[in-house]
PDB file of N, CA and C in Angstrom:
ATOM      1  N   MET A   1       0.841  -1.165   0.000  1.00  0.00           N
ATOM      2  CA  MET A   1       0.000   0.000   0.000  1.00  0.00           C
ATOM      3  C   MET A   1       0.895   1.240   0.000  1.00  0.00           C
ATOM      4  N   LYS A   2       0.645   2.103  -0.899  1.00  0.00           N
ATOM      5  CA  LYS A   2       1.391   3.360  -0.991  1.00  0.00           C
ATOM      6  C   LYS A   2       0.762   4.386  -0.056  1.00  0.00           C
ATOM      7  N   VAL A   3       1.614   5.214   0.551  1.00  0.00           N
ATOM      8  CA  VAL A   3       1.174   6.288   1.432  1.00  0.00           C
ATOM      9  C   VAL A   3       1.717   7.589   0.877  1.00  0.00           C
ATOM     10  N   LYS A   4       0.847   8.542   0.685  1.00  0.00           N
ATOM     11  CA  LYS A   4       1.270   9.839   0.170  1.00  0.00           C
ATOM     12  C   LYS A   4       1.942  10.617   1.286  1.00  0.00           C
ATOM     13  N   THR A   5       3.086  11.206   0.965  1.00  0.00           N
ATOM     14  CA  THR A   5       3.821  11.996   1.943  1.00  0.00           C
ATOM     15  C   THR A   5       4.406  13.218   1.261  1.00  0.00           C
ATOM     16  N   SER A   6       4.866  14.140   2.057  1.00  0.00           N
ATOM     17  CA  SER A   6       5.481  15.347   1.526  1.00  0.00           C
ATOM     18  C   SER A   6       6.852  15.489   2.158  1.00  0.00           C
ATOM     19  N   ILE A   7       7.855  15.795   1.333  1.00  0.00           N
ATOM     20  CA  ILE A   7       9.203  16.017   1.851  1.00  0.00           C
ATOM     21  C   ILE A   7       9.740  17.322   1.273  1.00  0.00           C
ATOM     22  N   THR A   8      10.713  17.871   1.954  1.00  0.00           N
ATOM     23  CA  THR A   8      11.345  19.104   1.496  1.00  0.00           C
ATOM     24  C   THR A   8      12.784  18.787   1.148  1.00  0.00           C
ATOM     25  N   LEU A   9      13.182  19.122  -0.089  1.00  0.00           N
ATOM     26  CA  LEU A   9      14.533  18.853  -0.570  1.00  0.00           C
ATOM     27  C   LEU A   9      15.149  20.128  -1.124  1.00  0.00           C
ATOM     28  N   GLU A  10      16.456  20.179  -1.107  1.00  0.00           N
ATOM     29  CA  GLU A  10      17.162  21.290  -1.738  1.00  0.00           C
ATOM     30  C   GLU A  10      16.881  21.268  -3.238  1.00  0.00           C
ATOM     31  N   SER A  11      16.807  22.436  -3.847  1.00  0.00           N
ATOM     32  CA  SER A  11      16.456  22.526  -5.265  1.00  0.00           C
ATOM     33  C   SER A  11      17.492  21.837  -6.160  1.00  0.00           C
ATOM     34  N   ASP A  12      18.766  21.878  -5.786  1.00  0.00           N
ATOM     35  CA  ASP A  12      19.774  21.199  -6.609  1.00  0.00           C
ATOM     36  C   ASP A  12      19.589  19.692  -6.572  1.00  0.00           C
ATOM     37  N   LEU A  13      19.126  19.156  -5.438  1.00  0.00           N
ATOM     38  CA  LEU A  13      18.857  17.721  -5.337  1.00  0.00           C
ATOM     39  C   LEU A  13      17.654  17.340  -6.198  1.00  0.00           C
ATOM     40  N   VAL A  14      16.618  18.141  -6.159  1.00  0.00           N
ATOM     41  CA  VAL A  14      15.446  17.886  -7.007  1.00  0.00           C
ATOM     42  C   VAL A  14      15.852  17.925  -8.479  1.00  0.00           C
ATOM     43  N   GLY A  15      16.706  18.875  -8.851  1.00  0.00           N
ATOM     44  CA  GLY A  15      17.185  18.951 -10.229  1.00  0.00           C
ATOM     45  C   GLY A  15      17.951  17.701 -10.635  1.00  0.00           C
ATOM     46  N   ALA A  16      18.799  17.219  -9.741  1.00  0.00           N
ATOM     47  CA  ALA A  16      19.566  16.002 -10.038  1.00  0.00           C
ATOM     48  C   ALA A  16      18.637  14.800 -10.179  1.00  0.00           C
ATOM     49  N   ILE A  17      17.628  14.722  -9.334  1.00  0.00           N
ATOM     50  CA  ILE A  17      16.637  13.636  -9.438  1.00  0.00           C
ATOM     51  C   ILE A  17      15.891  13.747 -10.759  1.00  0.00           C
ATOM     52  N   ASP A  18      15.467  14.948 -11.101  1.00  0.00           N
ATOM     53  CA  ASP A  18      14.716  15.146 -12.337  1.00  0.00           C
ATOM     54  C   ASP A  18      15.529  14.741 -13.574  1.00  0.00           C
ATOM     55  N   ARG A  19      16.846  14.905 -13.525  1.00  0.00           N
ATOM     56  CA  ARG A  19      17.677  14.499 -14.659  1.00  0.00           C
ATOM     57  C   ARG A  19      17.752  12.980 -14.790  1.00  0.00           C
ATOM     58  N   GLN A  20      17.464  12.267 -13.722  1.00  0.00           N
ATOM     59  CA  GLN A  20      17.535  10.803 -13.732  1.00  0.00           C
ATOM     60  C   GLN A  20      16.162  10.135 -13.825  1.00  0.00           C
ATOM     61  N   VAL A  21      15.132  10.895 -13.613  1.00  0.00           N
ATOM     62  CA  VAL A  21      13.797  10.334 -13.416  1.00  0.00           C
ATOM     63  C   VAL A  21      13.271   9.552 -14.622  1.00  0.00           C
ATOM     64  N   ALA A  22      13.684   9.873 -15.826  1.00  0.00           N
ATOM     65  CA  ALA A  22      13.168   9.168 -17.014  1.00  0.00           C
ATOM     66  C   ALA A  22      13.438   7.669 -16.930  1.00  0.00           C
ATOM     67  N   ALA A  23      14.552   7.296 -16.353  1.00  0.00           N
ATOM     68  CA  ALA A  23      14.904   5.876 -16.245  1.00  0.00           C
ATOM     69  C   ALA A  23      14.101   5.166 -15.153  1.00  0.00           C
ATOM     70  N   TYR A  24      13.426   5.921 -14.297  1.00  0.00           N
ATOM     71  CA  TYR A  24      12.736   5.324 -13.153  1.00  0.00           C
ATOM     72  C   TYR A  24      11.230   5.540 -13.170  1.00  0.00           C
ATOM     73  N   GLY A  25      10.746   6.351 -14.065  1.00  0.00           N
ATOM     74  CA  GLY A  25       9.310   6.540 -14.198  1.00  0.00           C
ATOM     75  C   GLY A  25       8.767   7.789 -13.520  1.00  0.00           C
ATOM     76  N   SER A  26       9.213   8.053 -12.300  1.00  0.00           N
ATOM     77  CA  SER A  26       8.726   9.232 -11.583  1.00  0.00           C
ATOM     78  C   SER A  26       9.673   9.545 -10.428  1.00  0.00           C
ATOM     79  N   ARG A  27       9.533  10.751  -9.889  1.00  0.00           N
ATOM     80  CA  ARG A  27      10.311  11.097  -8.700  1.00  0.00           C
ATOM     81  C   ARG A  27      10.027  10.118  -7.573  1.00  0.00           C
ATOM     82  N   SER A  28       8.761   9.802  -7.411  1.00  0.00           N
ATOM     83  CA  SER A  28       8.374   8.897  -6.320  1.00  0.00           C
ATOM     84  C   SER A  28       9.061   7.547  -6.456  1.00  0.00           C
ATOM     85  N   GLU A  29       9.052   6.986  -7.657  1.00  0.00           N
ATOM     86  CA  GLU A  29       9.695   5.681  -7.865  1.00  0.00           C
ATOM     87  C   GLU A  29      11.197   5.778  -7.642  1.00  0.00           C
ATOM     88  N   PHE A  30      11.802   6.870  -8.109  1.00  0.00           N
ATOM     89  CA  PHE A  30      13.231   7.082  -7.909  1.00  0.00           C
ATOM     90  C   PHE A  30      13.559   7.138  -6.421  1.00  0.00           C
ATOM     91  N   LEU A  31      12.814   7.958  -5.682  1.00  0.00           N
ATOM     92  CA  LEU A  31      13.075   8.126  -4.251  1.00  0.00           C
ATOM     93  C   LEU A  31      12.773   6.852  -3.464  1.00  0.00           C
ATOM     94  N   GLU A  32      11.739   6.117  -3.872  1.00  0.00           N
ATOM     95  CA  GLU A  32      11.422   4.859  -3.203  1.00  0.00           C
ATOM     96  C   GLU A  32      12.566   3.858  -3.383  1.00  0.00           C
ATOM     97  N   LEU A  33      13.082   3.755  -4.606  1.00  0.00           N
ATOM     98  CA  LEU A  33      14.200   2.852  -4.866  1.00  0.00           C
ATOM     99  C   LEU A  33      15.439   3.287  -4.081  1.00  0.00           C
ATOM    100  N   ALA A  34      15.710   4.584  -4.067  1.00  0.00           N
ATOM    101  CA  ALA A  34      16.866   5.098  -3.326  1.00  0.00           C
ATOM    102  C   ALA A  34      16.735   4.784  -1.831  1.00  0.00           C
ATOM    103  N   ALA A  35      15.554   4.969  -1.286  1.00  0.00           N
ATOM    104  CA  ALA A  35      15.329   4.682   0.130  1.00  0.00           C
ATOM    105  C   ALA A  35      15.496   3.193   0.413  1.00  0.00           C
ATOM    106  N   ARG A  36      14.958   2.344  -0.455  1.00  0.00           N
ATOM    107  CA  ARG A  36      15.091   0.890  -0.265  1.00  0.00           C
ATOM    108  C   ARG A  36      16.557   0.465  -0.313  1.00  0.00           C
ATOM    109  N   ARG A  37      17.309   1.027  -1.257  1.00  0.00           N
ATOM    110  CA  ARG A  37      18.728   0.675  -1.364  1.00  0.00           C
ATOM    111  C   ARG A  37      19.502   1.139  -0.131  1.00  0.00           C
ATOM    112  N   LEU A  38      19.212   2.337   0.352  1.00  0.00           N
ATOM    113  CA  LEU A  38      19.886   2.830   1.549  1.00  0.00           C
ATOM    114  C   LEU A  38      19.535   1.962   2.751  1.00  0.00           C
ATOM    115  N   LEU A  39      18.263   1.630   2.900  1.00  0.00           N
ATOM    116  CA  LEU A  39      17.851   0.792   4.023  1.00  0.00           C
ATOM    117  C   LEU A  39      18.503  -0.585   3.955  1.00  0.00           C
ATOM    118  N   ALA A  40      18.614  -1.158   2.765  1.00  0.00           N
ATOM    119  CA  ALA A  40      19.284  -2.456   2.609  1.00  0.00           C
ATOM    120  C   ALA A  40      20.757  -2.338   2.988  1.00  0.00           C
ATOM    121  N   ARG A  41      21.410  -1.260   2.543  1.00  0.00           N
ATOM    122  CA  ARG A  41      22.822  -1.055   2.876  1.00  0.00           C
ATOM    123  C   ARG A  41      23.015  -0.891   4.377  1.00  0.00           C
ATOM    124  N   LEU A  42      22.138  -0.130   5.013  1.00  0.00           N
ATOM    125  CA  LEU A  42      22.224   0.064   6.461  1.00  0.00           C
ATOM    126  C   LEU A  42      22.014  -1.249   7.214  1.00  0.00           C
ATOM    127  N   ALA A  43      21.074  -2.062   6.743  1.00  0.00           N
ATOM    128  CA  ALA A  43      20.835  -3.364   7.374  1.00  0.00           C
ATOM    129  C   ALA A  43      22.064  -4.260   7.217  1.00  0.00           C
ATOM    130  N   LYS A  44      22.677  -4.237   6.030  1.00  0.00           N
ATOM    131  CA  LYS A  44      23.881  -5.042   5.792  1.00  0.00           C
ATOM    132  C   LYS A  44      25.025  -4.574   6.686  1.00  0.00           C
ATOM    133  N   GLU A  45      25.208  -3.261   6.791  1.00  0.00           N
ATOM    134  CA  GLU A  45      26.261  -2.716   7.649  1.00  0.00           C
ATOM    135  C   GLU A  45      26.032  -3.095   9.112  1.00  0.00           C
ATOM    136  N   ALA A  46      24.780  -3.060   9.549  1.00  0.00           N
ATOM    137  CA  ALA A  46      24.463  -3.438  10.931  1.00  0.00           C
ATOM    138  C   ALA A  46      24.772  -4.914  11.161  1.00  0.00           C
ATOM    139  N   GLN A  47      24.442  -5.764  10.183  1.00  0.00           N
ATOM    140  CA  GLN A  47      24.732  -7.192  10.312  1.00  0.00           C
ATOM    141  C   GLN A  47      26.236  -7.431  10.347  1.00  0.00           C
ATOM    142  N   GLU A  48      26.978  -6.730   9.490  1.00  0.00           N
ATOM    143  CA  GLU A  48      28.435  -6.859   9.478  1.00  0.00           C
ATOM    144  C   GLU A  48      29.031  -6.407  10.811  1.00  0.00           C
ATOM    145  N   GLN A  49      28.481  -5.355  11.392  1.00  0.00           N
ATOM    146  CA  GLN A  49      28.945  -4.887  12.700  1.00  0.00           C
ATOM    147  C   GLN A  49      28.693  -5.944  13.767  1.00  0.00           C
ATOM    148  N   ARG A  50      27.497  -6.550  13.740  1.00  0.00           N
ATOM    149  CA  ARG A  50      27.198  -7.616  14.706  1.00  0.00           C
ATOM    150  C   ARG A  50      28.142  -8.791  14.520  1.00  0.00           C
ATOM    151  N   ASP A  51      28.413  -9.150  13.247  1.00  0.00           N
ATOM    152  CA  ASP A  51      29.340 -10.251  12.962  1.00  0.00           C
ATOM    153  C   ASP A  51      30.734  -9.955  13.499  1.00  0.00           C
ATOM    154  N   CYS A  52      31.212  -8.730  13.297  1.00  0.00           N
ATOM    155  CA  CYS A  52      32.532  -8.331  13.797  1.00  0.00           C
ATOM    156  C   CYS A  52      32.581  -8.403  15.316  1.00  0.00           C
ATOM    157  N   GLU A  53      31.515  -8.000  15.968  1.00  0.00           N
ATOM    158  CA  GLU A  53      31.464  -8.062  17.426  1.00  0.00           C
ATOM    159  C   GLU A  53      31.521  -9.509  17.914  1.00  0.00           C
ATOM    160  N   ILE A  54      30.839 -10.410  17.218  1.00  0.00           N
ATOM    161  CA  ILE A  54      30.865 -11.834  17.577  1.00  0.00           C
ATOM    162  C   ILE A  54      32.276 -12.386  17.382  1.00  0.00           C
ATOM    163  N   ILE A  55      32.880 -12.079  16.249  1.00  0.00           N
ATOM    164  CA  ILE A  55      34.240 -12.547  15.977  1.00  0.00           C
ATOM    165  C   ILE A  55      35.208 -12.005  17.021  1.00  0.00           C
ATOM    166  N   GLU A  56      35.056 -10.738  17.373  1.00  0.00           N
ATOM    167  CA  GLU A  56      35.929 -10.133  18.385  1.00  0.00           C
ATOM    168  C   GLU A  56      35.782 -10.842  19.723  1.00  0.00           C
ATOM    169  N   ARG A  57      34.541 -11.134  20.104  1.00  0.00           N
ATOM    170  CA  ARG A  57      34.318 -11.831  21.374  1.00  0.00           C
ATOM    171  C   ARG A  57      34.920 -13.225  21.355  1.00  0.00           C
ATOM    172  N   ARG A  58      34.913 -13.856  20.189  1.00  0.00           N
ATOM    173  CA  ARG A  58      35.391 -15.233  20.060  1.00  0.00           C
ATOM    174  C   ARG A  58      36.828 -15.305  19.556  1.00  0.00           C
ATOM    175  N   SER A  59      37.512 -14.183  19.424  1.00  0.00           N
ATOM    176  CA  SER A  59      38.829 -14.161  18.780  1.00  0.00           C
ATOM    177  C   SER A  59      39.855 -15.031  19.495  1.00  0.00           C
ATOM    178  N   THR A  60      39.865 -15.023  20.804  1.00  0.00           N
ATOM    179  CA  THR A  60      40.845 -15.834  21.528  1.00  0.00           C
ATOM    180  C   THR A  60      40.649 -17.311  21.210  1.00  0.00           C
ATOM    181  N   ALA A  61      39.414 -17.773  21.274  1.00  0.00           N
ATOM    182  CA  ALA A  61      39.139 -19.187  20.980  1.00  0.00           C
ATOM    183  C   ALA A  61      39.438 -19.510  19.513  1.00  0.00           C
ATOM    184  N   LEU A  62      39.081 -18.604  18.617  1.00  0.00           N
ATOM    185  CA  LEU A  62      39.341 -18.840  17.200  1.00  0.00           C
ATOM    186  C   LEU A  62      40.838 -18.884  16.912  1.00  0.00           C
ATOM    187  N   ASN A  63      41.607 -18.001  17.544  1.00  0.00           N
ATOM    188  CA  ASN A  63      43.059 -18.003  17.357  1.00  0.00           C
ATOM    189  C   ASN A  63      43.681 -19.282  17.910  1.00  0.00           C
ATOM    190  N   ARG A  64      43.215 -19.728  19.050  1.00  0.00           N
ATOM    191  CA  ARG A  64      43.709 -20.973  19.636  1.00  0.00           C
ATOM    192  C   ARG A  64      43.423 -22.150  18.699  1.00  0.00           C
ATOM    193  N   GLU A  65      42.241 -22.168  18.139  1.00  0.00           N
ATOM    194  CA  GLU A  65      41.860 -23.221  17.198  1.00  0.00           C
ATOM    195  C   GLU A  65      42.760 -23.193  15.962  1.00  0.00           C
ATOM    196  N   ALA A  66      43.027 -22.000  15.441  1.00  0.00           N
ATOM    197  CA  ALA A  66      43.900 -21.869  14.267  1.00  0.00           C
ATOM    198  C   ALA A  66      45.308 -22.339  14.588  1.00  0.00           C
ATOM    199  N   GLU A  67      45.813 -22.016  15.781  1.00  0.00           N
ATOM    200  CA  GLU A  67      47.140 -22.474  16.178  1.00  0.00           C
ATOM    201  C   GLU A  67      47.187 -23.998  16.268  1.00  0.00           C
ATOM    202  N   ASP A  68      46.139 -24.604  16.786  1.00  0.00           N
ATOM    203  CA  ASP A  68      46.074 -26.067  16.862  1.00  0.00           C
ATOM    204  C   ASP A  68      46.148 -26.686  15.469  1.00  0.00           C
ATOM    205  N   VAL A  69      45.423 -26.119  14.522  1.00  0.00           N
ATOM    206  CA  VAL A  69      45.432 -26.632  13.147  1.00  0.00           C
ATOM    207  C   VAL A  69      46.825 -26.496  12.549  1.00  0.00           C
ATOM    208  N   LEU A  70      47.459 -25.339  12.746  1.00  0.00           N
ATOM    209  CA  LEU A  70      48.810 -25.141  12.196  1.00  0.00           C
ATOM    210  C   LEU A  70      49.810 -26.081  12.849  1.00  0.00           C
ATOM    211  N   ASP A  71      49.700 -26.285  14.162  1.00  0.00           N
ATOM    212  CA  ASP A  71      50.599 -27.225  14.847  1.00  0.00           C
ATOM    213  C   ASP A  71      50.425 -28.630  14.297  1.00  0.00           C
ATOM    214  N   TYR A  72      49.190 -29.002  14.024  1.00  0.00           N
ATOM    215  CA  TYR A  72      48.916 -30.340  13.481  1.00  0.00           C
ATOM    216  C   TYR A  72      49.525 -30.475  12.087  1.00  0.00           C
ATOM    217  N   GLN A  73      49.373 -29.444  11.253  1.00  0.00           N
ATOM    218  CA  GLN A  73      49.913 -29.497   9.895  1.00  0.00           C
ATOM    219  C   GLN A  73      51.446 -29.562   9.922  1.00  0.00           C
ATOM    220  N   VAL A  74      52.072 -28.810  10.764  1.00  0.00           N
ATOM    221  CA  VAL A  74      53.538 -28.803  10.850  1.00  0.00           C
ATOM    222  C   VAL A  74      54.037 -30.134  11.380  1.00  0.00           C
ATOM    223  N   GLY A  75      53.310 -30.720  12.318  1.00  0.00           N
ATOM    224  CA  GLY A  75      53.717 -31.992  12.892  1.00  0.00           C
ATOM    225  C   GLY A  75      53.523 -33.183  11.966  1.00  0.00           C
ATOM    226  N   ALA A  76      52.727 -33.026  10.934  1.00  0.00           N
ATOM    227  CA  ALA A  76      52.404 -34.171  10.038  1.00  0.00           C
ATOM    228  C   ALA A  76      53.490 -34.454   9.049  1.00  0.00           C
TER     229      ALA A  76
END
């Protein structure tokens, strides 16, 4: 369901959007796609941050595990 809204943008930004709008059908479609892409990027960045935090918390155990594997390979 689409919801009508009103936003205020700088005139140079509206001009830049208008120069691209033919490929997207309308300002609304252009802005909707831009918002979806930004939201997807933000969600991905948040997930990557959570992943980094998990790796950081587990780094000591992961490093110990890697050392065990290397010791096994060298000993073989």
